[in-house]
Amino acid sequence: MSTISTTASAEFRPLSTTTSTESDLRLVATQIGFEQRAFWRNRTRAFFSVVFPLVFLVVFNAINGGHHITELGGISYSTWFVPGILAYGLIMATFTNLATSVAVSRDAGILKRIKGTPLPRWVFMAGRIGSTLVTAAVLVGATLLLGSLAYDVQIRTSTLPALIVTVVLGSICFTTLGLAATTVIPNADAAPAVLNILVLPLTFISGIWMVLSGAPGWLDFTAKIFPVRPLAHSLQHAFHPATTGAGFVWSDLAVLAAWTLGGLVVCLRWFRWESRR
């Protein structure tokens, strides 16, 4: 009788937490792989998310590559512009890419139909977010490789920790804000217009396309409280030859962290799985 009881308890022992966690991770990894295949097969989407920022990098360096910026200690234009376009590309690969794809999926009813499938909703969203971060990593690697090989931009080992932390935090921040932005996008057709209104003006006042050393104080203050300027400035600081120490700009990282938390609150409170229509 004792043997039977022991055997029964062994048969009906619940799965361990470790096994369940490993299964969840495999499921998320599979979903990320699916999202990546779908992303790269959509050539237009892949071009504007990854290739388009690199086109800007080539064109602007072709125009200004031989110049030096006296306002920033005489550094080469490439040394200043590569981290700036890296910030822009990161925003395109995370914020714009994720917000557009989620808005399209919501309008097409895909997000709604996920509820009726065995795939947990959190796994679907984790796969979409994970794929976005993988795309961002590809963009970062391509930008740094092109800047180093074509324009002799040095990736400094002393400021590498700041570069890595800024890229990671910036990716998380704009991925979160991309999901938050879907709460104000009424439909998929309006997504490009809404996202451009939210981001494009900020890129012009954040030192991505031009040096703003003579900008009015109110404009400089406005740029600093939004996340685009802290991301661009922190990356440019890490690349600047005169930067000493590890290269961290803690005020910039604090702003990025604050916007990440704000975006998370908006997502948890107002994110919609179904279209208003």
Protein backbone atom coordinates (compact mmCIF):
# COMPACT_ATOMS: atom_id res chain seq x y z
CA MET A 1 0.00 0.00 0.00
CA SER A 2 2.87 2.34 0.84
CA THR A 3 4.55 1.59 -2.52
CA ILE A 4 1.38 2.38 -4.45
CA SER A 5 0.93 5.67 -2.61
CA THR A 6 4.52 6.72 -3.32
CA THR A 7 4.20 5.85 -7.00
CA ALA A 8 0.96 7.77 -7.34
CA SER A 9 2.39 10.85 -5.71
CA ALA A 10 5.38 10.68 -8.05
CA GLU A 11 3.14 10.34 -11.11
CA PHE A 12 1.03 13.36 -10.22
CA ARG A 13 3.85 15.58 -8.99
CA PRO A 14 3.51 18.99 -10.77
CA LEU A 15 6.16 20.07 -13.25
CA SER A 16 9.05 21.92 -11.70
CA THR A 17 9.38 25.68 -12.04
CA THR A 18 12.64 25.19 -13.92
CA THR A 19 10.98 23.00 -16.56
CA SER A 20 8.12 25.50 -16.97
CA THR A 21 10.55 28.40 -17.27
CA GLU A 22 12.64 26.59 -19.88
CA SER A 23 9.49 25.82 -21.88
CA ASP A 24 8.42 29.49 -21.74
CA LEU A 25 11.85 30.65 -22.87
CA ARG A 26 11.82 28.22 -25.80
CA LEU A 27 8.38 29.47 -26.77
CA VAL A 28 9.52 33.10 -26.66
CA ALA A 29 12.66 32.27 -28.66
CA THR A 30 10.54 30.53 -31.31
CA GLN A 31 8.23 33.55 -31.51
CA ILE A 32 11.21 35.90 -31.86
CA GLY A 33 12.51 33.78 -34.73
CA PHE A 34 9.11 33.91 -36.43
CA GLU A 35 8.90 37.70 -36.02
CA GLN A 36 12.43 38.12 -37.39
CA ARG A 37 11.64 36.09 -40.51
CA ALA A 38 8.50 38.13 -41.07
CA PHE A 39 10.44 41.37 -40.58
CA TRP A 40 13.23 40.66 -43.07
CA ARG A 41 10.83 39.27 -45.66
CA ASN A 42 9.03 42.62 -45.65
CA ARG A 43 11.72 44.45 -47.62
CA THR A 44 10.15 47.90 -47.40
CA ARG A 45 9.86 47.70 -43.62
CA ALA A 46 13.41 46.36 -43.28
CA PHE A 47 14.78 49.08 -45.56
CA PHE A 48 13.28 51.99 -43.61
CA SER A 49 14.15 50.46 -40.22
CA VAL A 50 17.77 49.44 -40.91
CA VAL A 51 19.07 50.60 -44.29
CA PHE A 52 17.55 54.10 -44.36
CA PRO A 53 19.64 55.46 -41.43
CA LEU A 54 22.78 54.05 -43.07
CA VAL A 55 21.89 55.92 -46.27
CA PHE A 56 21.77 59.15 -44.26
CA LEU A 57 25.15 58.28 -42.77
CA VAL A 58 26.72 57.87 -46.22
CA VAL A 59 25.07 60.95 -47.77
CA PHE A 60 25.83 63.39 -44.96
CA ASN A 61 29.42 62.18 -44.67
CA ALA A 62 29.85 62.55 -48.43
CA ILE A 63 28.79 66.20 -48.08
CA ASN A 64 30.56 67.13 -44.84
CA GLY A 65 33.07 64.34 -44.25
CA GLY A 66 36.16 66.55 -44.65
CA HIS A 67 34.98 69.23 -42.21
CA HIS A 68 35.91 69.71 -38.58
CA ILE A 69 33.58 71.18 -35.95
CA THR A 70 35.27 74.08 -34.16
CA GLU A 71 32.44 74.42 -31.60
CA LEU A 72 33.26 70.92 -30.35
CA GLY A 73 37.03 71.23 -30.11
CA GLY A 74 37.80 70.67 -33.78
CA ILE A 75 36.68 67.03 -33.96
CA SER A 76 35.93 65.56 -37.37
CA TYR A 77 32.39 65.71 -38.67
CA SER A 78 32.25 61.90 -38.85
CA THR A 79 33.17 61.50 -35.18
CA TRP A 80 30.22 63.70 -34.25
CA PHE A 81 27.70 62.45 -36.83
CA VAL A 82 28.13 58.67 -36.50
CA PRO A 83 26.82 58.53 -32.89
CA GLY A 84 24.08 61.00 -33.84
CA ILE A 85 22.85 58.85 -36.70
CA LEU A 86 23.25 55.82 -34.44
CA ALA A 87 20.72 57.44 -32.09
CA TYR A 88 18.37 58.16 -35.00
CA GLY A 89 18.68 54.62 -36.34
CA LEU A 90 18.03 53.17 -32.90
CA ILE A 91 14.81 55.19 -32.66
CA MET A 92 13.73 54.04 -36.13
CA ALA A 93 14.47 50.38 -35.36
CA THR A 94 12.65 50.38 -32.02
CA PHE A 95 10.10 53.17 -31.60
CA THR A 96 8.90 53.57 -35.19
CA ASN A 97 9.24 49.92 -36.18
CA LEU A 98 7.39 48.49 -33.17
CA ALA A 99 4.64 51.12 -33.03
CA THR A 100 3.86 50.73 -36.74
CA SER A 101 3.80 46.92 -36.68
CA VAL A 102 1.59 46.79 -33.58
CA ALA A 103 -0.84 49.36 -35.04
CA VAL A 104 -1.08 47.35 -38.28
CA SER A 105 -1.59 44.07 -36.41
CA ARG A 106 -4.26 45.63 -34.21
CA ASP A 107 -6.17 47.06 -37.18
CA ALA A 108 -5.98 43.75 -39.05
CA GLY A 109 -7.46 41.94 -36.05
CA ILE A 110 -4.34 39.87 -35.41
CA LEU A 111 -4.00 41.04 -31.80
CA LYS A 112 -7.66 40.23 -31.17
CA ARG A 113 -7.36 36.75 -32.68
CA ILE A 114 -4.36 35.96 -30.50
CA LYS A 115 -6.80 35.67 -27.60
CA GLY A 116 -8.40 32.64 -29.27
CA THR A 117 -5.15 30.73 -29.87
CA PRO A 118 -3.11 28.54 -27.50
CA LEU A 119 -0.27 31.08 -27.70
CA PRO A 120 -0.28 33.24 -24.55
CA ARG A 121 -0.61 36.93 -25.28
CA TRP A 122 2.49 37.76 -23.27
CA VAL A 123 4.54 35.35 -25.39
CA PHE A 124 3.29 36.99 -28.58
CA MET A 125 4.21 40.45 -27.27
CA ALA A 126 7.55 39.23 -25.90
CA GLY A 127 8.35 37.84 -29.34
CA ARG A 128 7.46 41.15 -31.01
CA ILE A 129 9.55 43.13 -28.50
CA GLY A 130 12.45 40.66 -28.66
CA SER A 131 12.49 40.83 -32.45
CA THR A 132 12.57 44.64 -32.26
CA LEU A 133 15.60 44.52 -29.96
CA VAL A 134 17.36 42.05 -32.28
CA THR A 135 16.76 44.43 -35.20
CA ALA A 136 18.13 47.30 -33.13
CA ALA A 137 21.27 45.26 -32.38
CA VAL A 138 21.78 44.61 -36.10
CA LEU A 139 21.39 48.34 -36.82
CA VAL A 140 23.87 49.28 -34.10
CA GLY A 141 26.45 46.77 -35.36
CA ALA A 142 26.05 47.89 -38.99
CA THR A 143 26.37 51.58 -38.06
CA LEU A 144 29.47 51.09 -35.93
CA LEU A 145 31.07 48.85 -38.55
CA LEU A 146 30.40 51.33 -41.36
CA GLY A 147 31.59 54.27 -39.27
CA SER A 148 34.78 52.48 -38.29
CA LEU A 149 35.72 51.09 -41.70
CA ALA A 150 34.53 53.86 -44.02
CA TYR A 151 35.04 56.99 -41.89
CA ASP A 152 37.76 55.97 -39.43
CA VAL A 153 35.59 56.67 -36.39
CA GLN A 154 37.26 55.19 -33.32
CA ILE A 155 35.28 53.12 -30.82
CA ARG A 156 37.16 54.00 -27.63
CA THR A 157 37.72 51.19 -25.15
CA SER A 158 37.72 53.60 -22.19
CA THR A 159 34.17 54.81 -22.92
CA LEU A 160 32.86 51.47 -24.20
CA PRO A 161 30.89 50.81 -20.96
CA ALA A 162 29.00 54.10 -21.41
CA LEU A 163 28.36 53.29 -25.07
CA ILE A 164 26.94 49.86 -24.23
CA VAL A 165 24.78 51.08 -21.34
CA THR A 166 23.41 53.97 -23.41
CA VAL A 167 22.56 51.71 -26.35
CA VAL A 168 20.85 49.15 -24.09
CA LEU A 169 18.90 51.71 -22.07
CA GLY A 170 18.02 53.69 -25.20
CA SER A 171 16.73 50.55 -26.92
CA ILE A 172 14.58 49.62 -23.93
CA CYS A 173 13.33 53.20 -23.57
CA PHE A 174 12.22 53.67 -27.18
CA THR A 175 10.80 50.15 -27.40
CA THR A 176 8.61 50.93 -24.40
CA LEU A 177 7.67 54.32 -25.86
CA GLY A 178 6.83 52.63 -29.16
CA LEU A 179 4.23 50.49 -27.42
CA ALA A 180 3.00 53.52 -25.50
CA ALA A 181 2.64 55.48 -28.75
CA THR A 182 0.12 52.94 -30.05
CA THR A 183 -2.34 54.25 -27.47
CA VAL A 184 -2.63 57.54 -29.41
CA ILE A 185 -2.55 56.02 -32.91
CA PRO A 186 -6.20 55.81 -34.04
CA ASN A 187 -5.57 53.38 -36.91
CA ALA A 188 -2.79 51.87 -39.00
CA ASP A 189 -3.12 54.46 -41.78
CA ALA A 190 -2.42 57.25 -39.31
CA ALA A 191 0.63 55.55 -37.75
CA PRO A 192 3.37 57.11 -39.96
CA ALA A 193 1.95 60.63 -39.53
CA VAL A 194 1.54 60.34 -35.75
CA LEU A 195 5.01 58.85 -35.25
CA ASN A 196 6.67 61.52 -37.40
CA ILE A 197 4.94 64.24 -35.41
CA LEU A 198 6.16 62.69 -32.18
CA VAL A 199 9.80 62.14 -33.23
CA LEU A 200 10.89 64.16 -36.26
CA PRO A 201 10.74 67.66 -34.70
CA LEU A 202 12.74 66.39 -31.71
CA THR A 203 15.55 65.12 -33.94
CA PHE A 204 16.08 68.65 -35.29
CA ILE A 205 16.41 70.24 -31.85
CA SER A 206 18.44 67.38 -30.35
CA GLY A 207 21.74 67.78 -32.20
CA ILE A 208 21.39 64.84 -34.57
CA TRP A 209 21.46 66.68 -37.89
CA MET A 210 23.30 69.87 -36.90
CA VAL A 211 25.35 71.35 -34.05
CA LEU A 212 23.11 73.56 -31.92
CA SER A 213 25.73 75.48 -29.96
CA GLY A 214 23.97 78.80 -30.61
CA ALA A 215 20.41 77.63 -29.92
CA PRO A 216 18.19 79.69 -27.58
CA GLY A 217 18.12 78.58 -23.97
CA TRP A 218 14.43 77.62 -24.03
CA LEU A 219 15.00 75.38 -27.05
CA ASP A 220 17.97 73.71 -25.41
CA PHE A 221 15.95 73.12 -22.24
CA THR A 222 13.04 71.68 -24.23
CA ALA A 223 15.35 69.25 -26.03
CA LYS A 224 16.89 68.05 -22.76
CA ILE A 225 13.62 66.99 -21.17
CA PHE A 226 12.67 64.70 -24.09
CA PRO A 227 14.47 61.36 -24.65
CA VAL A 228 15.94 61.98 -28.14
CA ARG A 229 18.51 64.56 -27.02
CA PRO A 230 19.79 62.55 -24.01
CA LEU A 231 20.29 59.48 -26.24
CA ALA A 232 22.14 61.39 -28.97
CA HIS A 233 24.21 63.47 -26.54
CA SER A 234 25.24 60.51 -24.41
CA LEU A 235 26.43 58.61 -27.49
CA GLN A 236 28.26 61.64 -28.88
CA HIS A 237 29.95 62.13 -25.51
CA ALA A 238 31.18 58.52 -25.55
CA PHE A 239 32.77 59.05 -28.99
CA HIS A 240 34.31 62.47 -28.29
CA PRO A 241 38.15 62.22 -28.09
CA ALA A 242 38.26 64.68 -25.18
CA THR A 243 35.97 62.61 -22.96
CA THR A 244 37.73 61.29 -19.87
CA GLY A 245 36.84 58.37 -17.62
CA ALA A 246 34.14 55.85 -18.50
CA GLY A 247 32.10 58.45 -20.41
CA PHE A 248 28.81 58.18 -18.53
CA VAL A 249 26.44 61.15 -18.66
CA TRP A 250 24.26 60.33 -15.70
CA SER A 251 21.75 63.12 -16.30
CA ASP A 252 21.06 61.77 -19.80
CA LEU A 253 20.66 58.21 -18.52
CA ALA A 254 18.30 59.45 -15.80
CA VAL A 255 16.05 61.10 -18.40
CA LEU A 256 15.99 57.89 -20.48
CA ALA A 257 15.13 55.84 -17.39
CA ALA A 258 12.33 58.25 -16.43
CA TRP A 259 10.78 58.07 -19.93
CA THR A 260 11.04 54.28 -19.80
CA LEU A 261 9.04 54.18 -16.57
CA GLY A 262 6.54 56.67 -17.97
CA GLY A 263 6.08 54.62 -21.13
CA LEU A 264 5.61 51.45 -19.07
CA VAL A 265 2.86 53.11 -17.01
CA VAL A 266 1.07 54.23 -20.19
CA CYS A 267 1.32 50.71 -21.68
CA LEU A 268 -0.06 49.02 -18.57
CA ARG A 269 -2.91 51.50 -18.28
CA TRP A 270 -4.04 52.23 -21.85
CA PHE A 271 -2.64 49.65 -24.28
CA ARG A 272 -5.40 48.20 -26.50
CA TRP A 273 -5.48 44.76 -28.13
CA GLU A 274 -8.46 45.64 -30.30
CA SER A 275 -9.13 48.46 -32.77
CA ARG A 276 -11.57 51.16 -31.70
CA ARG A 277 -13.54 50.44 -34.87
